[in-house]
């Protein structure tokens, strides 16, 4: 498992915005490479309630091409999904070539909330670690890049954010009775999370632990982590220009297109 920093430091809002913009642009270039090379990616978000998963997802998607990704907020199974294997509904969401999916909560619910709340029996959640590892190995062997992020906040910071949500009418909807009940079982969730890390942190799909005590730092760190993990072993340079298109543009539009060697970094 890879831990990213201690709690990080962002100097001020201007610094935060500059870093956010820089890494959003880098992620866009990675997305473009995945599109042109027909690559696929699965991005998994897990973390404590109020850790900032939604805010991080909004920042990472806001500058991407919306045609190239889908965000799936994962809640309780729908009626037609009940009675099927718990991985069924994730098989149906896998990305097509050139795209990525973002899971806001995921199949790890089997060994987290379903374990702690008794929604899965001990034999069911105990065998789920191997089932999940095999599921991810199957995807990786098929060329899918998997990036798993866990956003961590302290018990004290979580309480502060719960209070903030209750006091803000525009954020109050984010706090649910389930969030309050989950907090009472934090020790149980800590045990489940530790077991999840120990049993599903694999070479092909490692966990990335993001310190999320400070929202600005966490959002930038999520982007940095995704750029690093997604571009590993991937050529993200723009594809070679179509010579026929150049000739057509010069002939029909009078536009002279510089060669790739003439372009400066950042021109794309």
Protein backbone atom coordinates (compact mmCIF):
# COMPACT_ATOMS: atom_id res chain seq x y z
CA UNK A 1 0.00 0.00 0.00
CA UNK A 2 1.30 3.43 -0.92
CA UNK A 3 0.86 6.30 1.53
CA UNK A 4 1.06 9.76 0.02
CA UNK A 5 2.70 12.33 2.28
CA UNK A 6 1.93 13.07 5.91
CA UNK A 7 -0.85 15.60 5.81
CA UNK A 8 0.68 17.79 3.13
CA UNK A 9 0.82 21.50 2.75
CA UNK A 10 -0.86 23.98 0.44
CA UNK A 11 0.35 27.54 1.05
CA UNK A 12 -2.84 29.42 0.21
CA UNK A 13 -5.82 29.44 -2.13
CA UNK A 14 -3.77 30.79 -5.05
CA UNK A 15 -1.26 27.97 -4.61
CA UNK A 16 -4.09 25.44 -4.41
CA UNK A 17 -5.75 26.71 -7.59
CA UNK A 18 -2.45 26.72 -9.48
CA UNK A 19 -1.63 23.15 -8.42
CA UNK A 20 -5.17 22.01 -9.17
CA UNK A 21 -5.09 23.50 -12.66
CA UNK A 22 -1.65 22.02 -13.42
CA UNK A 23 -2.59 18.48 -12.43
CA UNK A 24 -6.03 18.65 -14.04
CA UNK A 25 -4.30 19.46 -17.34
CA UNK A 26 -1.87 16.57 -16.90
CA UNK A 27 -4.76 14.21 -16.22
CA UNK A 28 -6.55 15.45 -19.34
CA UNK A 29 -3.46 14.57 -21.40
CA UNK A 30 -3.47 11.09 -19.87
CA UNK A 31 -7.16 10.72 -20.70
CA UNK A 32 -6.47 11.73 -24.31
CA UNK A 33 -3.74 9.11 -24.56
CA UNK A 34 -6.10 6.45 -23.22
CA UNK A 35 -8.68 7.48 -25.81
CA UNK A 36 -6.28 7.35 -28.77
CA UNK A 37 -4.71 4.07 -27.63
CA UNK A 38 -8.05 2.43 -26.74
CA UNK A 39 -6.94 1.84 -23.15
CA UNK A 40 -9.29 1.31 -20.22
CA UNK A 41 -9.13 2.24 -16.55
CA UNK A 42 -11.10 1.61 -13.36
CA UNK A 43 -10.69 4.19 -10.59
CA UNK A 44 -11.93 3.10 -7.17
CA UNK A 45 -12.75 5.59 -4.39
CA UNK A 46 -13.17 4.38 -0.83
CA UNK A 47 -12.79 6.27 2.44
CA UNK A 48 -14.43 7.44 5.62
CA UNK A 49 -17.78 9.23 5.51
CA UNK A 50 -17.16 12.96 4.93
CA UNK A 51 -13.57 12.30 3.79
CA UNK A 52 -14.14 14.31 0.61
CA UNK A 53 -14.61 11.63 -2.05
CA UNK A 54 -17.32 13.61 -3.86
CA UNK A 55 -15.29 16.82 -3.87
CA UNK A 56 -12.20 15.01 -5.15
CA UNK A 57 -14.21 13.34 -7.92
CA UNK A 58 -15.69 16.68 -9.01
CA UNK A 59 -12.22 18.22 -9.28
CA UNK A 60 -10.73 15.31 -11.19
CA UNK A 61 -13.59 15.18 -13.72
CA UNK A 62 -14.24 18.90 -14.20
CA UNK A 63 -11.59 19.35 -16.93
CA UNK A 64 -11.86 15.92 -18.57
CA UNK A 65 -13.73 15.15 -21.78
CA UNK A 66 -17.13 13.97 -20.47
CA UNK A 67 -17.39 11.45 -23.30
CA UNK A 68 -14.42 9.55 -21.92
CA UNK A 69 -15.53 8.67 -18.40
CA UNK A 70 -18.52 7.60 -16.33
CA UNK A 71 -18.98 8.13 -12.59
CA UNK A 72 -20.94 5.46 -10.74
CA UNK A 73 -22.11 6.29 -7.19
CA UNK A 74 -22.49 2.90 -5.53
CA UNK A 75 -25.30 2.45 -3.03
CA UNK A 76 -27.34 -0.57 -1.93
CA UNK A 77 -28.09 -3.07 -4.72
CA UNK A 78 -31.25 -2.46 -6.71
CA UNK A 79 -34.06 -5.01 -6.60
CA UNK A 80 -32.98 -6.70 -9.85
CA UNK A 81 -29.42 -7.01 -8.50
CA UNK A 82 -30.40 -8.70 -5.26
CA UNK A 83 -29.90 -12.45 -5.36
CA UNK A 84 -27.09 -12.19 -7.92
CA UNK A 85 -23.39 -12.40 -7.15
CA UNK A 86 -22.29 -9.08 -5.64
CA UNK A 87 -19.74 -8.53 -8.45
CA UNK A 88 -22.46 -8.81 -11.11
CA UNK A 89 -23.36 -5.13 -11.06
CA UNK A 90 -19.70 -4.17 -11.48
CA UNK A 91 -19.17 -6.43 -14.47
CA UNK A 92 -21.98 -4.51 -16.17
CA UNK A 93 -20.19 -1.18 -15.59
CA UNK A 94 -16.75 -2.04 -16.96
CA UNK A 95 -15.26 0.56 -19.33
CA UNK A 96 -15.24 0.22 -23.10
CA UNK A 97 -11.97 0.85 -24.99
CA UNK A 98 -10.77 4.44 -24.72
CA UNK A 99 -12.68 5.22 -21.54
CA UNK A 100 -12.49 4.99 -17.77
CA UNK A 101 -15.00 4.48 -14.99
CA UNK A 102 -14.92 6.09 -11.55
CA UNK A 103 -16.52 4.17 -8.69
CA UNK A 104 -17.68 6.30 -5.76
CA UNK A 105 -17.66 3.37 -3.33
CA UNK A 106 -17.19 -0.01 -4.91
CA UNK A 107 -17.22 -3.79 -4.69
CA UNK A 108 -15.11 -3.36 -1.53
CA UNK A 109 -18.38 -2.71 0.25
CA UNK A 110 -18.54 -6.50 0.60
CA UNK A 111 -15.64 -6.49 3.08
CA UNK A 112 -16.48 -3.12 4.65
CA UNK A 113 -20.10 -2.08 5.20
CA UNK A 114 -21.56 -5.54 4.48
CA UNK A 115 -19.10 -7.12 6.90
CA UNK A 116 -19.59 -4.58 9.70
CA UNK A 117 -23.37 -4.30 9.35
CA UNK A 118 -23.90 -8.04 9.09
CA UNK A 119 -25.30 -7.83 5.56
CA UNK A 120 -22.90 -10.58 4.49
CA UNK A 121 -22.24 -13.68 6.54
CA UNK A 122 -18.67 -14.36 7.78
CA UNK A 123 -18.07 -17.05 5.11
CA UNK A 124 -19.32 -14.64 2.43
CA UNK A 125 -17.09 -11.68 3.31
CA UNK A 126 -14.12 -13.88 4.21
CA UNK A 127 -14.01 -15.45 0.75
CA UNK A 128 -14.61 -12.05 -0.89
CA UNK A 129 -10.95 -11.03 -0.52
CA UNK A 130 -9.86 -13.79 -2.90
CA UNK A 131 -12.83 -13.17 -5.20
CA UNK A 132 -11.96 -9.47 -5.47
CA UNK A 133 -8.28 -10.16 -6.06
CA UNK A 134 -9.17 -12.59 -8.85
CA UNK A 135 -11.65 -10.11 -10.33
CA UNK A 136 -8.99 -7.40 -10.42
CA UNK A 137 -6.36 -9.81 -11.77
CA UNK A 138 -8.76 -10.77 -14.57
CA UNK A 139 -9.20 -7.10 -15.47
CA UNK A 140 -5.47 -6.33 -15.30
CA UNK A 141 -4.64 -9.36 -17.46
CA UNK A 142 -7.13 -7.97 -19.99
CA UNK A 143 -5.27 -4.64 -20.07
CA UNK A 144 -7.39 -2.61 -17.65
CA UNK A 145 -5.51 -0.22 -15.36
CA UNK A 146 -6.92 -0.22 -11.81
CA UNK A 147 -6.23 2.65 -9.38
CA UNK A 148 -7.58 2.29 -5.85
CA UNK A 149 -7.75 5.33 -3.57
CA UNK A 150 -8.65 5.44 0.11
CA UNK A 151 -9.26 8.89 1.66
CA UNK A 152 -8.44 8.94 5.35
CA UNK A 153 -9.53 11.47 7.98
CA UNK A 154 -9.30 11.36 11.76
CA UNK A 155 -12.27 10.77 14.01
CA UNK A 156 -11.98 14.37 15.25
CA UNK A 157 -11.98 15.84 11.73
CA UNK A 158 -14.92 13.69 10.72
CA UNK A 159 -16.95 15.06 13.64
CA UNK A 160 -16.02 18.62 12.63
CA UNK A 161 -17.24 18.00 9.09
CA UNK A 162 -20.47 16.43 10.31
CA UNK A 163 -21.08 19.54 12.41
CA UNK A 164 -20.30 21.80 9.45
CA UNK A 165 -22.81 19.95 7.32
CA UNK A 166 -25.53 20.22 9.93
CA UNK A 167 -24.99 23.97 10.23
CA UNK A 168 -25.00 24.58 6.46
CA UNK A 169 -28.46 24.22 4.82
CA UNK A 170 -26.80 23.60 1.44
CA UNK A 171 -24.66 20.74 2.80
CA UNK A 172 -27.12 19.26 5.28
CA UNK A 173 -28.39 16.74 2.74
CA UNK A 174 -24.95 15.11 2.70
CA UNK A 175 -25.27 13.87 6.28
CA UNK A 176 -27.44 10.80 6.76
CA UNK A 177 -28.58 8.67 9.67
CA UNK A 178 -26.34 5.95 8.28
CA UNK A 179 -23.30 8.26 8.61
CA UNK A 180 -24.09 8.81 12.29
CA UNK A 181 -24.57 5.09 12.94
CA UNK A 182 -21.37 4.22 11.09
CA UNK A 183 -19.40 6.56 13.32
CA UNK A 184 -20.50 4.58 16.38
CA UNK A 185 -18.86 1.52 14.80
CA UNK A 186 -15.60 3.20 13.82
CA UNK A 187 -13.47 0.61 15.63
CA UNK A 188 -15.21 -2.17 13.71
CA UNK A 189 -14.65 -0.28 10.45
CA UNK A 190 -10.99 0.26 11.33
CA UNK A 191 -10.55 -3.50 11.69
CA UNK A 192 -12.35 -4.12 8.40
CA UNK A 193 -10.26 -1.48 6.59
CA UNK A 194 -6.99 -2.88 7.95
CA UNK A 195 -7.97 -6.37 6.79
CA UNK A 196 -8.94 -5.00 3.37
CA UNK A 197 -5.53 -3.36 2.96
CA UNK A 198 -3.69 -6.46 4.16
CA UNK A 199 -5.55 -8.87 1.87
CA UNK A 200 -6.20 -6.82 -1.30
CA UNK A 201 -3.12 -4.61 -1.66
CA UNK A 202 -1.62 -6.43 -4.65
CA UNK A 203 1.20 -5.74 -7.08
CA UNK A 204 -1.16 -5.24 -10.01
CA UNK A 205 -3.72 -3.18 -8.05
CA UNK A 206 -2.16 -1.54 -4.98
CA UNK A 207 -4.01 0.74 -2.58
CA UNK A 208 -3.10 4.43 -2.44
CA UNK A 209 -3.78 5.96 0.97
CA UNK A 210 -4.58 9.69 0.64
CA UNK A 211 -4.37 11.81 3.81
CA UNK A 212 -7.56 13.88 3.51
CA UNK A 213 -7.47 15.93 6.72
CA UNK A 214 -6.96 19.03 4.54
CA UNK A 215 -9.30 19.10 1.54
CA UNK A 216 -7.12 21.21 -0.77
CA UNK A 217 -4.14 18.93 -0.28
CA UNK A 218 -6.23 15.78 -0.73
CA UNK A 219 -7.77 16.96 -4.00
CA UNK A 220 -4.39 17.78 -5.51
CA UNK A 221 -2.89 14.55 -4.17
CA UNK A 222 -5.67 12.52 -5.76
CA UNK A 223 -4.88 14.10 -9.14
CA UNK A 224 -1.13 13.54 -8.72
CA UNK A 225 -1.69 9.92 -7.76
CA UNK A 226 -3.97 9.26 -10.71
CA UNK A 227 -1.60 10.87 -13.19
CA UNK A 228 1.32 8.83 -11.86
CA UNK A 229 -0.57 5.52 -11.76
CA UNK A 230 -2.39 5.88 -15.08
CA UNK A 231 0.59 7.03 -17.14
CA UNK A 232 2.98 4.35 -15.84
CA UNK A 233 4.20 2.46 -18.90
CA UNK A 234 1.93 4.52 -21.17
CA UNK A 235 3.14 6.87 -23.91
CA UNK A 236 1.06 10.01 -23.32
CA UNK A 237 2.55 12.06 -26.17
CA UNK A 238 -0.02 13.19 -28.77
CA UNK A 239 -0.55 10.79 -31.68
CA UNK A 240 1.28 11.59 -34.94
CA UNK A 241 -0.56 14.02 -37.13
CA UNK A 242 -2.41 12.69 -40.19
CA UNK A 243 -0.44 13.76 -43.27
CA UNK A 244 -3.54 13.54 -45.45
CA UNK A 245 -5.28 15.97 -43.10
CA UNK A 246 -2.36 18.39 -43.38
CA UNK A 247 -2.49 18.31 -47.17
CA UNK A 248 -6.26 18.80 -47.15
CA UNK A 249 -6.02 21.73 -44.71
CA UNK A 250 -3.35 23.42 -46.82
CA UNK A 251 -5.22 22.84 -50.05
CA UNK A 252 -8.78 23.65 -48.96
CA UNK A 253 -8.25 26.05 -46.04
CA UNK A 254 -4.89 27.63 -46.70
CA UNK A 255 -3.66 26.58 -43.26
CA UNK A 256 -0.01 25.66 -42.82
CA UNK A 257 0.42 23.10 -40.07
CA UNK A 258 3.82 22.97 -38.30
CA UNK A 259 5.50 19.60 -37.92
CA UNK A 260 5.47 17.93 -34.52
CA UNK A 261 9.12 18.83 -34.02
CA UNK A 262 8.28 22.53 -34.47
CA UNK A 263 5.67 22.51 -31.72
CA UNK A 264 6.66 23.58 -28.23
CA UNK A 265 5.78 21.56 -25.12
CA UNK A 266 2.34 22.56 -23.92
CA UNK A 267 1.08 23.52 -27.41
CA UNK A 268 -1.44 20.67 -27.34
